[in-house]
N, C-alpha and C. Protein backbone atom coordinates (compact mmCIF):
# COMPACT_ATOMS: atom_id res chain seq x y z
N UNK A 1 18.56 37.09 6.95
CA UNK A 1 18.19 36.17 5.88
C UNK A 1 16.69 35.91 5.88
N UNK A 2 16.10 35.88 7.06
CA UNK A 2 14.66 35.63 7.15
C UNK A 2 13.83 36.74 6.52
N UNK A 3 14.46 37.87 6.25
CA UNK A 3 13.73 39.00 5.65
C UNK A 3 14.18 39.26 4.21
N UNK A 4 14.83 38.29 3.59
CA UNK A 4 15.29 38.44 2.20
C UNK A 4 14.32 37.75 1.24
N UNK A 5 13.05 38.03 1.40
CA UNK A 5 12.06 37.35 0.56
C UNK A 5 12.14 37.77 -0.90
N UNK A 6 12.75 38.92 -1.17
CA UNK A 6 12.93 39.31 -2.58
C UNK A 6 14.01 38.44 -3.23
N UNK A 7 14.97 37.98 -2.44
CA UNK A 7 16.04 37.12 -2.96
C UNK A 7 15.59 35.66 -2.96
N UNK A 8 14.80 35.28 -1.97
CA UNK A 8 14.30 33.91 -1.88
C UNK A 8 12.77 33.91 -1.89
N UNK A 9 12.16 34.19 -3.05
CA UNK A 9 10.70 34.30 -3.11
C UNK A 9 10.01 32.95 -2.92
N UNK A 10 8.89 32.99 -2.23
CA UNK A 10 8.14 31.77 -1.91
C UNK A 10 7.72 31.00 -3.15
N UNK A 11 7.35 31.72 -4.23
CA UNK A 11 6.89 31.01 -5.43
C UNK A 11 8.01 30.19 -6.08
N UNK A 12 9.27 30.52 -5.81
CA UNK A 12 10.40 29.73 -6.35
C UNK A 12 10.79 28.60 -5.41
N UNK A 13 10.54 28.78 -4.11
CA UNK A 13 10.97 27.80 -3.11
C UNK A 13 9.87 26.81 -2.73
N UNK A 14 8.61 27.23 -2.81
CA UNK A 14 7.52 26.44 -2.23
C UNK A 14 7.60 26.56 -0.72
N UNK A 15 7.09 25.57 -0.02
CA UNK A 15 7.22 25.57 1.44
C UNK A 15 8.70 25.53 1.80
N UNK A 16 9.06 26.21 2.88
CA UNK A 16 10.48 26.23 3.25
C UNK A 16 10.64 26.29 4.77
N UNK A 17 11.84 25.95 5.18
CA UNK A 17 12.22 25.95 6.59
C UNK A 17 13.68 26.37 6.65
N UNK A 18 14.00 27.25 7.59
CA UNK A 18 15.36 27.76 7.73
C UNK A 18 15.94 27.27 9.06
N UNK A 19 17.18 26.79 9.03
CA UNK A 19 17.88 26.42 10.26
C UNK A 19 19.25 27.10 10.25
N UNK A 20 19.80 27.30 11.42
CA UNK A 20 21.11 27.92 11.56
C UNK A 20 22.03 26.99 12.35
N UNK A 21 23.33 27.11 12.06
CA UNK A 21 24.36 26.39 12.82
C UNK A 21 24.12 24.89 12.84
N UNK A 22 23.96 24.29 11.67
CA UNK A 22 23.76 22.83 11.57
C UNK A 22 24.99 22.20 10.93
N UNK A 23 25.41 21.08 11.46
CA UNK A 23 26.59 20.39 10.93
C UNK A 23 26.26 19.74 9.59
N UNK A 24 27.15 19.95 8.62
CA UNK A 24 27.03 19.31 7.31
C UNK A 24 28.29 18.49 7.05
N UNK A 25 28.15 17.42 6.33
CA UNK A 25 29.27 16.56 5.95
C UNK A 25 30.08 16.11 7.17
N UNK A 26 29.44 16.04 8.33
CA UNK A 26 30.00 15.56 9.59
C UNK A 26 31.14 16.40 10.15
N UNK A 27 31.43 17.57 9.54
CA UNK A 27 32.58 18.32 10.07
C UNK A 27 32.46 19.83 10.01
N UNK A 28 31.63 20.38 9.15
CA UNK A 28 31.51 21.82 9.00
C UNK A 28 30.16 22.27 9.55
N UNK A 29 30.17 23.36 10.28
CA UNK A 29 28.90 23.91 10.76
C UNK A 29 28.44 24.96 9.76
N UNK A 30 27.31 24.66 9.12
CA UNK A 30 26.74 25.58 8.13
C UNK A 30 26.07 26.74 8.86
N UNK A 31 26.33 27.94 8.41
CA UNK A 31 25.69 29.10 9.04
C UNK A 31 24.19 29.06 8.86
N UNK A 32 23.74 28.75 7.64
CA UNK A 32 22.31 28.77 7.35
C UNK A 32 21.98 27.73 6.29
N UNK A 33 20.93 26.94 6.53
CA UNK A 33 20.41 26.00 5.54
C UNK A 33 18.94 26.31 5.33
N UNK A 34 18.55 26.39 4.08
CA UNK A 34 17.14 26.60 3.74
C UNK A 34 16.66 25.32 3.08
N UNK A 35 15.76 24.62 3.74
CA UNK A 35 15.17 23.40 3.19
C UNK A 35 13.93 23.84 2.41
N UNK A 36 13.86 23.47 1.13
CA UNK A 36 12.77 23.96 0.29
C UNK A 36 12.02 22.82 -0.38
N UNK A 37 10.80 23.10 -0.71
CA UNK A 37 9.94 22.12 -1.39
C UNK A 37 10.34 21.96 -2.86
N UNK A 38 10.78 23.05 -3.50
CA UNK A 38 11.02 23.02 -4.95
C UNK A 38 12.49 22.97 -5.37
N UNK A 39 13.39 23.46 -4.53
CA UNK A 39 14.80 23.57 -4.94
C UNK A 39 15.76 22.73 -4.12
N UNK A 40 15.26 21.89 -3.25
CA UNK A 40 16.16 21.11 -2.42
C UNK A 40 16.76 21.99 -1.33
N UNK A 41 17.98 21.69 -0.95
CA UNK A 41 18.64 22.38 0.16
C UNK A 41 19.51 23.51 -0.37
N UNK A 42 19.32 24.70 0.18
CA UNK A 42 20.14 25.86 -0.17
C UNK A 42 21.03 26.16 1.04
N UNK A 43 22.33 26.23 0.81
CA UNK A 43 23.27 26.52 1.89
C UNK A 43 23.80 27.94 1.77
N UNK A 44 23.93 28.62 2.90
CA UNK A 44 24.44 29.99 2.90
C UNK A 44 25.53 30.14 3.95
N UNK A 45 26.72 30.48 3.50
CA UNK A 45 27.82 30.79 4.42
C UNK A 45 27.87 32.30 4.58
N UNK A 46 27.83 32.76 5.82
CA UNK A 46 27.76 34.19 6.13
C UNK A 46 29.13 34.70 6.56
N UNK A 47 29.56 35.79 5.93
CA UNK A 47 30.81 36.44 6.31
C UNK A 47 30.53 37.92 6.56
N UNK A 48 30.47 38.28 7.84
CA UNK A 48 30.22 39.68 8.21
C UNK A 48 31.51 40.48 8.05
N UNK A 49 31.41 41.77 8.27
CA UNK A 49 32.59 42.64 8.18
C UNK A 49 33.65 42.25 9.19
N UNK A 50 33.23 41.61 10.29
CA UNK A 50 34.16 41.25 11.37
C UNK A 50 34.77 39.86 11.18
N UNK A 51 34.31 39.09 10.19
CA UNK A 51 34.83 37.75 9.94
C UNK A 51 36.07 37.80 9.07
N UNK A 52 36.85 36.70 9.13
CA UNK A 52 37.94 36.53 8.17
C UNK A 52 37.47 35.49 7.14
N UNK A 53 38.18 35.41 6.06
CA UNK A 53 37.84 34.45 5.01
C UNK A 53 38.75 33.22 5.06
N UNK A 54 39.48 33.08 6.16
CA UNK A 54 40.48 32.02 6.29
C UNK A 54 39.91 30.62 6.05
N UNK A 55 38.72 30.32 6.57
CA UNK A 55 38.15 28.97 6.46
C UNK A 55 37.15 28.82 5.32
N UNK A 56 36.90 29.89 4.57
CA UNK A 56 35.85 29.86 3.56
C UNK A 56 36.07 28.78 2.51
N UNK A 57 37.28 28.60 2.05
CA UNK A 57 37.56 27.59 1.01
C UNK A 57 37.14 26.20 1.49
N UNK A 58 37.57 25.83 2.69
CA UNK A 58 37.23 24.52 3.26
C UNK A 58 35.72 24.39 3.48
N UNK A 59 35.11 25.46 4.00
CA UNK A 59 33.67 25.43 4.26
C UNK A 59 32.89 25.20 2.97
N UNK A 60 33.27 25.90 1.91
CA UNK A 60 32.55 25.76 0.64
C UNK A 60 32.70 24.36 0.06
N UNK A 61 33.85 23.71 0.30
CA UNK A 61 34.03 22.33 -0.17
C UNK A 61 32.94 21.42 0.39
N UNK A 62 32.52 21.66 1.62
CA UNK A 62 31.46 20.85 2.23
C UNK A 62 30.08 21.30 1.78
N UNK A 63 29.86 22.59 1.67
CA UNK A 63 28.55 23.09 1.22
C UNK A 63 28.18 22.52 -0.16
N UNK A 64 29.12 22.55 -1.10
CA UNK A 64 28.78 22.13 -2.47
C UNK A 64 28.49 20.64 -2.57
N UNK A 65 28.94 19.86 -1.58
CA UNK A 65 28.65 18.42 -1.56
C UNK A 65 27.30 18.13 -0.92
N UNK A 66 26.78 19.06 -0.10
CA UNK A 66 25.56 18.83 0.68
C UNK A 66 24.34 19.58 0.17
N UNK A 67 24.54 20.64 -0.58
CA UNK A 67 23.43 21.53 -0.95
C UNK A 67 23.26 21.60 -2.46
N UNK A 68 22.01 21.66 -2.89
CA UNK A 68 21.73 21.82 -4.32
C UNK A 68 22.21 23.18 -4.81
N UNK A 69 22.05 24.19 -3.97
CA UNK A 69 22.48 25.55 -4.29
C UNK A 69 23.24 26.12 -3.11
N UNK A 70 24.29 26.90 -3.41
CA UNK A 70 25.14 27.46 -2.35
C UNK A 70 25.34 28.96 -2.61
N UNK A 71 25.24 29.73 -1.53
CA UNK A 71 25.51 31.17 -1.59
C UNK A 71 26.53 31.54 -0.53
N UNK A 72 27.34 32.56 -0.84
CA UNK A 72 28.13 33.24 0.18
C UNK A 72 27.44 34.58 0.38
N UNK A 73 27.07 34.85 1.63
CA UNK A 73 26.42 36.11 1.99
C UNK A 73 27.49 36.92 2.71
N UNK A 74 28.02 37.94 2.05
CA UNK A 74 29.18 38.63 2.62
C UNK A 74 29.00 40.14 2.65
N UNK A 75 29.71 40.76 3.56
CA UNK A 75 29.77 42.22 3.64
C UNK A 75 30.51 42.72 2.40
N UNK A 76 30.14 43.91 1.95
CA UNK A 76 30.78 44.50 0.76
C UNK A 76 32.31 44.51 0.85
N UNK A 77 32.85 44.65 2.06
CA UNK A 77 34.30 44.71 2.23
C UNK A 77 34.99 43.40 1.85
N UNK A 78 34.24 42.29 1.83
CA UNK A 78 34.81 40.99 1.47
C UNK A 78 34.53 40.60 0.01
N UNK A 79 33.70 41.35 -0.66
CA UNK A 79 33.19 40.92 -1.97
C UNK A 79 34.29 40.57 -2.97
N UNK A 80 35.27 41.42 -3.13
CA UNK A 80 36.33 41.18 -4.12
C UNK A 80 37.08 39.88 -3.83
N UNK A 81 37.43 39.66 -2.56
CA UNK A 81 38.18 38.45 -2.18
C UNK A 81 37.32 37.19 -2.34
N UNK A 82 36.03 37.29 -2.03
CA UNK A 82 35.13 36.14 -2.19
C UNK A 82 35.04 35.76 -3.66
N UNK A 83 34.85 36.75 -4.52
CA UNK A 83 34.74 36.48 -5.97
C UNK A 83 36.05 35.87 -6.50
N UNK A 84 37.18 36.35 -6.00
CA UNK A 84 38.48 35.81 -6.41
C UNK A 84 38.63 34.35 -5.98
N UNK A 85 38.24 34.05 -4.74
CA UNK A 85 38.33 32.68 -4.24
C UNK A 85 37.45 31.74 -5.07
N UNK A 86 36.23 32.16 -5.36
CA UNK A 86 35.32 31.33 -6.16
C UNK A 86 35.89 31.09 -7.55
N UNK A 87 36.54 32.09 -8.11
CA UNK A 87 37.17 31.93 -9.43
C UNK A 87 38.32 30.92 -9.36
N UNK A 88 39.15 31.04 -8.34
CA UNK A 88 40.28 30.12 -8.16
C UNK A 88 39.82 28.68 -7.98
N UNK A 89 38.71 28.48 -7.28
CA UNK A 89 38.20 27.14 -7.01
C UNK A 89 37.30 26.61 -8.13
N UNK A 90 37.09 27.43 -9.14
CA UNK A 90 36.19 27.06 -10.26
C UNK A 90 34.77 26.80 -9.75
N UNK A 91 34.36 27.57 -8.76
CA UNK A 91 33.01 27.47 -8.19
C UNK A 91 32.13 28.54 -8.83
N UNK A 92 32.05 28.52 -10.16
CA UNK A 92 31.24 29.52 -10.86
C UNK A 92 29.75 29.32 -10.64
N UNK A 93 29.37 28.22 -10.02
CA UNK A 93 27.96 27.93 -9.73
C UNK A 93 27.56 28.39 -8.32
N UNK A 94 28.50 28.82 -7.51
CA UNK A 94 28.20 29.33 -6.17
C UNK A 94 27.77 30.79 -6.30
N UNK A 95 26.61 31.11 -5.73
CA UNK A 95 26.09 32.47 -5.80
C UNK A 95 26.69 33.36 -4.72
N UNK A 96 26.56 34.66 -4.93
CA UNK A 96 27.08 35.64 -3.97
C UNK A 96 25.99 36.69 -3.70
N UNK A 97 25.74 36.90 -2.42
CA UNK A 97 24.86 37.98 -1.97
C UNK A 97 25.74 38.91 -1.14
N UNK A 98 25.75 40.18 -1.50
CA UNK A 98 26.57 41.14 -0.78
C UNK A 98 25.66 42.12 -0.04
N UNK A 99 26.15 42.59 1.09
CA UNK A 99 25.33 43.54 1.85
C UNK A 99 26.19 44.67 2.41
N UNK A 100 25.53 45.77 2.66
CA UNK A 100 26.13 46.89 3.37
C UNK A 100 25.16 47.26 4.48
N UNK A 101 25.62 48.05 5.43
CA UNK A 101 24.74 48.43 6.54
C UNK A 101 24.40 49.91 6.46
N UNK A 102 23.14 50.21 6.71
CA UNK A 102 22.68 51.59 6.76
C UNK A 102 21.73 51.71 7.94
N UNK A 103 22.04 52.60 8.88
CA UNK A 103 21.23 52.75 10.10
C UNK A 103 21.01 51.41 10.80
N UNK A 104 22.06 50.62 10.93
CA UNK A 104 22.04 49.31 11.61
C UNK A 104 21.14 48.29 10.91
N UNK A 105 20.86 48.51 9.65
CA UNK A 105 20.06 47.57 8.87
C UNK A 105 20.88 47.09 7.68
N UNK A 106 20.88 45.77 7.47
CA UNK A 106 21.61 45.22 6.32
C UNK A 106 20.78 45.41 5.05
N UNK A 107 21.42 45.95 4.03
CA UNK A 107 20.78 46.11 2.73
C UNK A 107 21.54 45.18 1.79
N UNK A 108 20.84 44.16 1.30
CA UNK A 108 21.50 43.09 0.53
C UNK A 108 21.00 43.03 -0.90
N UNK A 109 21.87 42.52 -1.76
CA UNK A 109 21.50 42.30 -3.15
C UNK A 109 22.30 41.16 -3.73
N UNK A 110 21.74 40.52 -4.75
CA UNK A 110 22.44 39.41 -5.40
C UNK A 110 23.49 39.95 -6.35
N UNK A 111 24.72 39.53 -6.16
CA UNK A 111 25.81 39.86 -7.07
C UNK A 111 25.86 38.80 -8.17
N UNK A 112 25.68 37.55 -7.75
CA UNK A 112 25.67 36.43 -8.70
C UNK A 112 24.71 35.37 -8.20
N UNK A 113 23.82 34.95 -9.07
CA UNK A 113 22.82 33.94 -8.72
C UNK A 113 23.49 32.56 -8.67
N UNK A 114 23.06 31.73 -7.74
CA UNK A 114 23.60 30.37 -7.64
C UNK A 114 22.97 29.46 -8.68
N UNK A 115 23.75 28.54 -9.20
CA UNK A 115 23.26 27.48 -10.07
C UNK A 115 23.41 26.15 -9.34
N UNK A 116 22.74 25.13 -9.86
CA UNK A 116 22.76 23.82 -9.21
C UNK A 116 24.20 23.32 -9.07
N UNK A 117 24.53 22.80 -7.91
CA UNK A 117 25.89 22.34 -7.62
C UNK A 117 26.20 21.02 -8.33
N UNK A 118 27.16 21.01 -9.24
CA UNK A 118 27.56 19.75 -9.87
C UNK A 118 28.38 18.87 -8.94
N UNK A 119 28.83 19.43 -7.80
CA UNK A 119 29.64 18.68 -6.84
C UNK A 119 28.80 17.96 -5.79
N UNK A 120 27.47 18.15 -5.84
CA UNK A 120 26.58 17.50 -4.87
C UNK A 120 26.77 15.99 -4.90
N UNK A 121 26.86 15.38 -3.72
CA UNK A 121 26.95 13.92 -3.63
C UNK A 121 25.87 13.43 -2.67
N UNK A 122 25.45 12.22 -2.88
CA UNK A 122 24.39 11.63 -2.06
C UNK A 122 24.77 11.64 -0.58
N UNK A 123 26.00 11.29 -0.26
CA UNK A 123 26.44 11.23 1.13
C UNK A 123 26.41 12.61 1.79
N UNK A 124 26.55 13.65 0.99
CA UNK A 124 26.43 15.00 1.53
C UNK A 124 25.03 15.26 2.05
N UNK A 125 24.04 14.87 1.25
CA UNK A 125 22.64 15.06 1.66
C UNK A 125 22.30 14.20 2.87
N UNK A 126 22.73 12.94 2.85
CA UNK A 126 22.38 12.05 3.97
C UNK A 126 23.14 12.41 5.24
N UNK A 127 24.22 13.20 5.12
CA UNK A 127 24.94 13.63 6.33
C UNK A 127 24.06 14.51 7.21
N UNK A 128 22.97 15.04 6.64
CA UNK A 128 22.04 15.88 7.40
C UNK A 128 21.00 15.05 8.15
N UNK A 129 21.04 13.74 7.98
CA UNK A 129 20.07 12.85 8.63
C UNK A 129 20.72 12.09 9.78
N UNK A 130 19.94 11.87 10.82
CA UNK A 130 20.36 10.94 11.86
C UNK A 130 20.21 9.54 11.29
N UNK A 131 20.94 8.59 11.81
CA UNK A 131 20.85 7.21 11.33
C UNK A 131 19.42 6.69 11.43
N UNK A 132 18.70 7.07 12.48
CA UNK A 132 17.31 6.62 12.64
C UNK A 132 16.44 7.14 11.49
N UNK A 133 16.69 8.36 11.04
CA UNK A 133 15.92 8.94 9.93
C UNK A 133 16.25 8.24 8.61
N UNK A 134 17.52 7.94 8.42
CA UNK A 134 17.95 7.24 7.21
C UNK A 134 17.33 5.84 7.16
N UNK A 135 17.32 5.15 8.30
CA UNK A 135 16.71 3.82 8.36
C UNK A 135 15.21 3.89 8.08
N UNK A 136 14.57 4.94 8.58
CA UNK A 136 13.13 5.11 8.36
C UNK A 136 12.81 5.25 6.86
N UNK A 137 13.59 6.04 6.17
CA UNK A 137 13.38 6.22 4.72
C UNK A 137 13.58 4.90 3.99
N UNK A 138 14.68 4.23 4.30
CA UNK A 138 15.00 2.98 3.60
C UNK A 138 13.99 1.88 3.92
N UNK A 139 13.47 1.87 5.14
CA UNK A 139 12.45 0.88 5.51
C UNK A 139 11.18 1.08 4.69
N UNK A 140 10.84 2.33 4.41
CA UNK A 140 9.66 2.62 3.57
C UNK A 140 9.89 2.13 2.15
N UNK A 141 11.10 2.32 1.63
CA UNK A 141 11.42 1.91 0.26
C UNK A 141 11.44 0.39 0.14
N UNK A 142 12.04 -0.27 1.12
CA UNK A 142 12.21 -1.72 1.05
C UNK A 142 11.04 -2.49 1.68
N UNK A 143 10.10 -1.77 2.28
CA UNK A 143 8.94 -2.39 2.94
C UNK A 143 9.37 -3.43 3.97
N UNK A 144 10.46 -3.14 4.65
CA UNK A 144 11.00 -4.06 5.65
C UNK A 144 11.95 -3.29 6.55
N UNK A 145 12.25 -3.82 7.72
CA UNK A 145 13.21 -3.20 8.62
C UNK A 145 14.59 -3.25 7.98
N UNK A 146 15.32 -2.16 8.07
CA UNK A 146 16.63 -2.07 7.44
C UNK A 146 17.71 -2.13 8.51
N UNK A 147 18.72 -2.94 8.26
CA UNK A 147 19.86 -3.05 9.16
C UNK A 147 21.13 -2.64 8.42
N UNK A 148 22.16 -2.37 9.17
CA UNK A 148 23.44 -2.04 8.56
C UNK A 148 24.08 -0.84 9.25
N UNK A 149 25.38 -0.66 8.97
CA UNK A 149 26.08 0.48 9.54
C UNK A 149 25.84 1.71 8.65
N UNK A 150 26.35 2.84 9.06
CA UNK A 150 26.08 4.10 8.35
C UNK A 150 26.56 4.03 6.89
N UNK A 151 27.72 3.47 6.68
CA UNK A 151 28.27 3.35 5.32
C UNK A 151 27.33 2.52 4.43
N UNK A 152 26.84 1.41 4.94
CA UNK A 152 25.93 0.55 4.17
C UNK A 152 24.60 1.26 3.89
N UNK A 153 24.11 1.99 4.88
CA UNK A 153 22.85 2.72 4.72
C UNK A 153 23.00 3.83 3.66
N UNK A 154 24.11 4.54 3.70
CA UNK A 154 24.36 5.58 2.70
C UNK A 154 24.40 4.99 1.29
N UNK A 155 25.05 3.84 1.16
CA UNK A 155 25.13 3.18 -0.15
C UNK A 155 23.77 2.71 -0.65
N UNK A 156 22.94 2.20 0.26
CA UNK A 156 21.58 1.80 -0.12
C UNK A 156 20.79 3.01 -0.60
N UNK A 157 20.87 4.10 0.15
CA UNK A 157 20.16 5.33 -0.21
C UNK A 157 20.58 5.77 -1.61
N UNK A 158 21.89 5.74 -1.86
CA UNK A 158 22.43 6.15 -3.16
C UNK A 158 21.95 5.24 -4.29
N UNK A 159 21.71 3.98 -3.99
CA UNK A 159 21.25 3.06 -5.03
C UNK A 159 19.79 3.31 -5.41
N UNK A 160 19.01 3.91 -4.51
CA UNK A 160 17.60 4.17 -4.77
C UNK A 160 17.33 5.56 -5.35
N UNK A 161 18.16 6.54 -4.97
CA UNK A 161 17.88 7.93 -5.36
C UNK A 161 19.10 8.57 -6.02
N UNK A 162 18.85 9.33 -7.08
CA UNK A 162 19.94 10.11 -7.67
C UNK A 162 20.36 11.17 -6.66
N UNK A 163 21.49 11.79 -6.87
CA UNK A 163 21.97 12.77 -5.88
C UNK A 163 21.00 13.94 -5.70
N UNK A 164 20.35 14.37 -6.79
CA UNK A 164 19.41 15.49 -6.68
C UNK A 164 18.07 15.03 -6.10
N UNK A 165 17.63 13.82 -6.44
CA UNK A 165 16.41 13.27 -5.83
C UNK A 165 16.60 13.10 -4.32
N UNK A 166 17.76 12.57 -3.94
CA UNK A 166 18.06 12.37 -2.53
C UNK A 166 18.09 13.69 -1.77
N UNK A 167 18.68 14.72 -2.38
CA UNK A 167 18.74 16.04 -1.76
C UNK A 167 17.33 16.59 -1.57
N UNK A 168 16.49 16.42 -2.59
CA UNK A 168 15.10 16.90 -2.51
C UNK A 168 14.33 16.14 -1.41
N UNK A 169 14.56 14.83 -1.33
CA UNK A 169 13.89 14.01 -0.33
C UNK A 169 14.28 14.44 1.09
N UNK A 170 15.57 14.65 1.31
CA UNK A 170 16.04 15.10 2.63
C UNK A 170 15.42 16.46 2.95
N UNK A 171 15.39 17.34 1.96
CA UNK A 171 14.80 18.66 2.15
C UNK A 171 13.33 18.56 2.54
N UNK A 172 12.58 17.70 1.86
CA UNK A 172 11.15 17.53 2.15
C UNK A 172 10.91 16.95 3.54
N UNK A 173 11.83 16.11 3.99
CA UNK A 173 11.72 15.54 5.33
C UNK A 173 11.72 16.67 6.37
N UNK A 174 12.62 17.65 6.17
CA UNK A 174 12.69 18.79 7.08
C UNK A 174 11.48 19.71 6.92
N UNK A 175 11.15 20.04 5.68
CA UNK A 175 10.05 20.97 5.40
C UNK A 175 8.74 20.46 6.01
N UNK A 176 8.51 19.16 5.90
CA UNK A 176 7.26 18.56 6.39
C UNK A 176 7.33 18.08 7.83
N UNK A 177 8.40 18.48 8.53
CA UNK A 177 8.55 18.17 9.95
C UNK A 177 8.49 16.66 10.23
N UNK A 178 9.16 15.88 9.38
CA UNK A 178 9.17 14.42 9.55
C UNK A 178 10.51 13.93 10.10
N UNK A 179 11.31 14.84 10.60
CA UNK A 179 12.58 14.45 11.20
C UNK A 179 12.32 13.84 12.58
N UNK A 180 13.33 13.18 13.13
CA UNK A 180 13.21 12.49 14.41
C UNK A 180 12.83 13.48 15.51
N UNK A 181 11.68 13.28 16.13
CA UNK A 181 11.18 14.20 17.16
C UNK A 181 12.05 14.19 18.42
N UNK A 182 12.88 13.16 18.58
CA UNK A 182 13.77 13.09 19.75
C UNK A 182 15.00 13.97 19.56
N UNK A 183 15.19 14.48 18.34
CA UNK A 183 16.33 15.35 18.03
C UNK A 183 15.78 16.74 17.71
N UNK A 184 15.54 17.56 18.74
CA UNK A 184 14.90 18.86 18.51
C UNK A 184 15.73 19.77 17.62
N UNK A 185 15.03 20.59 16.86
CA UNK A 185 15.66 21.47 15.88
C UNK A 185 14.95 22.81 15.93
N UNK A 186 15.73 23.89 16.03
CA UNK A 186 15.11 25.21 15.96
C UNK A 186 14.71 25.47 14.52
N UNK A 187 13.46 25.84 14.31
CA UNK A 187 12.91 26.05 12.98
C UNK A 187 12.55 27.52 12.81
N UNK A 188 12.97 28.10 11.70
CA UNK A 188 12.67 29.49 11.40
C UNK A 188 11.98 29.55 10.04
N UNK A 189 11.21 30.62 9.85
CA UNK A 189 10.46 30.77 8.60
C UNK A 189 10.62 32.18 8.07
N UNK A 190 10.61 32.35 6.76
CA UNK A 190 10.76 33.66 6.17
C UNK A 190 9.68 34.61 6.68
N UNK A 191 10.10 35.83 7.04
CA UNK A 191 9.18 36.82 7.54
C UNK A 191 8.83 36.67 9.01
N UNK A 192 9.27 35.57 9.64
CA UNK A 192 9.01 35.33 11.06
C UNK A 192 10.36 35.14 11.74
N UNK A 193 10.34 35.06 13.04
CA UNK A 193 11.60 34.87 13.73
C UNK A 193 11.82 33.45 14.20
N UNK A 194 10.96 32.93 15.07
CA UNK A 194 11.22 31.60 15.64
C UNK A 194 9.91 30.86 15.82
N UNK A 195 9.91 29.56 15.51
CA UNK A 195 8.69 28.75 15.71
C UNK A 195 9.07 27.48 16.45
């Protein structure tokens, strides 16, 4: 994914940051999240030739609530079943990237471009934040220390930001390295491996 700059061009994303294996919606581990300056959070579920599609339906239910744009990145052998599942779930806004392997190199192309997720919810975006990060944002908005449990904090966040504004804000927090420094995160960048 870090070498798919033709699919994820910098001029469309702005500054970006890639993370792998991050929990979304408190229960699903996202294979890949791309935090972007211009498009919010892009989620990618990866299905290699060796994977099954057994959990894909459940996984996508969480992705579409947390990410502005969602892709399934799958091996050509899964393509037909992935497209059928998306049709059954009425997820016509979820994009599909298919790949095949040649000389141990993945060759990928867009089968269907992702559109903005209408299922995105504010709580999906805030699920990517630690409570300390959520309090920090709300304290800046209210110009005062913020108290409350997670449910109350999520509701306050939702009252200040639309679901897409909130998603963009969470994305910018990651892109600009303003997340809690006590919670280390592996950061990857397009064209590079690890930073």
